[in-house]
Amino acid sequence: MAECNPMYPDARAALIAVEGVSELLDREIPIQELLDDARKIEERVREAFNRAQKTALPAPSDDDDDDEVQMVF
């Protein structure tokens, strides 16, 4: 099992884990629904990322920093 951010569940990692368990147990475990969920989650994350990029402010240029104190990130 792999650790993941609860806000961005990694259904593909879960799918790989289920496939591994299936092989260990030598039993067929249906995974099509999990695969469908993985695709839906990935599409939603991709859409959210694209929306965020469209509304994000541009990064400040180095020329905008008039004082001599460097900004710490």
Protein backbone atom coordinates (compact mmCIF):
# COMPACT_ATOMS: atom_id res chain seq x y z
CA MET A 1 0.00 0.00 0.00
CA ALA A 2 1.14 3.50 -0.79
CA GLU A 3 0.48 6.66 1.17
CA CYS A 4 -1.52 9.31 -0.67
CA ASN A 5 -3.15 12.66 -0.10
CA PRO A 6 -6.80 12.15 0.97
CA MET A 7 -7.79 15.10 -1.20
CA TYR A 8 -6.39 13.32 -4.27
CA PRO A 9 -7.01 9.60 -3.86
CA ASP A 10 -4.80 7.43 -6.02
CA ALA A 11 -7.24 4.90 -7.42
CA ARG A 12 -4.63 3.56 -9.84
CA ALA A 13 -2.37 2.67 -6.90
CA ALA A 14 -5.34 0.94 -5.29
CA LEU A 15 -5.93 -0.92 -8.55
CA ILE A 16 -2.32 -2.15 -8.61
CA ALA A 17 -2.62 -3.24 -4.97
CA VAL A 18 -5.84 -5.16 -5.68
CA GLU A 19 -4.20 -6.87 -8.66
CA GLY A 20 -1.30 -7.89 -6.40
CA VAL A 21 -3.65 -9.31 -3.78
CA SER A 22 -5.55 -11.11 -6.52
CA GLU A 23 -2.34 -12.81 -7.66
CA LEU A 24 -1.29 -13.67 -4.09
CA LEU A 25 -4.66 -15.25 -3.34
CA ASP A 26 -4.88 -16.82 -6.79
CA ARG A 27 -8.45 -15.51 -7.01
CA GLU A 28 -10.12 -13.28 -9.55
CA ILE A 29 -11.09 -9.92 -8.03
CA PRO A 30 -13.27 -7.73 -10.26
CA ILE A 31 -11.48 -4.43 -10.90
CA GLN A 32 -13.41 -2.80 -13.74
CA GLU A 33 -15.41 -0.54 -11.39
CA LEU A 34 -12.21 0.55 -9.64
CA LEU A 35 -10.60 1.28 -13.01
CA ASP A 36 -13.62 3.36 -14.03
CA ASP A 37 -13.41 5.27 -10.75
CA ALA A 38 -9.69 5.87 -11.30
CA ARG A 39 -10.36 7.38 -14.71
CA LYS A 40 -13.13 9.62 -13.33
CA ILE A 41 -10.94 10.84 -10.46
CA GLU A 42 -8.03 11.55 -12.79
CA GLU A 43 -10.29 13.50 -15.15
CA ARG A 44 -11.70 15.60 -12.28
CA VAL A 45 -8.20 16.35 -10.98
CA ARG A 46 -7.06 17.29 -14.50
CA GLU A 47 -10.08 19.62 -14.92
CA ALA A 48 -9.47 21.24 -11.52
CA PHE A 49 -5.79 21.75 -12.36
CA ASN A 50 -6.68 23.35 -15.70
CA ARG A 51 -9.22 25.67 -14.03
CA ALA A 52 -6.65 26.67 -11.42
CA GLN A 53 -4.07 27.45 -14.09
CA LYS A 54 -6.51 29.68 -15.96
CA THR A 55 -7.29 31.74 -12.86
CA ALA A 56 -3.81 31.82 -11.32
CA LEU A 57 -1.92 35.09 -11.18
CA PRO A 58 1.29 35.25 -13.18
CA ALA A 59 4.52 34.81 -11.27
CA PRO A 60 6.22 38.12 -10.44
CA SER A 61 9.25 38.92 -12.52
CA ASP A 62 12.61 39.54 -10.89
CA ASP A 63 12.50 43.14 -12.17
CA ASP A 64 9.51 43.94 -9.93
CA ASP A 65 11.59 43.56 -6.76
CA ASP A 66 12.95 47.09 -6.19
CA ASP A 67 14.43 46.56 -2.74
CA GLU A 68 17.64 44.70 -2.02
CA VAL A 69 16.02 42.13 0.30
CA GLN A 70 15.51 38.82 -1.48
CA MET A 71 12.10 37.21 -1.10
CA VAL A 72 12.10 33.88 0.73
CA PHE A 73 9.73 31.17 -0.49
